[in-house]
Amino acid sequence: MKEILKLILVLTTICLVSALALSQVYEATRDRIAHQKRLEVLRAIRAVLPDIDNEPDKDTVRLQVGKTGRGEPEEVTFFRGRRGGKLTGIAFVVVSRHGYGGDIEIMLGLDPEGVILGVEIVSQMETPGLGAKIVNKSFRQQFVGRRLDNTRWAVKKDGGEIDQITGATISPRAVVEAIHRGLVIYQKNREKILGG
């Protein structure tokens, strides 16, 4: 019995010391992690809004745009890009829940009229060599210049205008669906986003 109590005491001490060490490491790195996340967001924004000179993460509008599949409020942050103080574009993240390997997060950049300026895949878990080709510039570039009302928003296999990827239709279909949904969200909330 005495040995068991001794073992419990040793294990408890090890757990407490480990928890304390982890909390100290977290405290020491929290600011650096937040800074790196900010840089990652800014890199994606500048990829889809290249002609800006402001800090768009400090010029934002956050709106509830609907409900998630679980019935929770879905909120989107719109980053406003400016050059010389003039609004030149809006960037925001749209998510497709229909990727082959999971969610696909896309940073979408639009001019104030709703014309696509750029598309950046922020995160994805599609099949390497197949669906993961959605990150290729040649795939993303085909969206530039399109608007909600000048495109049949589906892959060609489904009667639309967007090229799918040979051997991987699910991933491009998910990207097209998400971008189309993003354009609808922007159109519905355009006045709030531009004037908010």
Foldseek 3Di string as FASTA:
>chain_A
DVVVVVVVVVVVVVVVVVVVVVVVVCVVCVVVVVVVVLVLVQVQQCQQVVQADDSQVVVWDKDFQAAPPVRHTDIKIWGFGHHPPHTFKIWIWFWFQQAPQGIWIKIWIAGLVAFTRWIATSDDDHDPPFLVCCRPCVQGVVRGRDGLPPWQQADVVVVTDHDATVPGRRNSRRVSVRVNVVRVSCVVCSCVGVPD
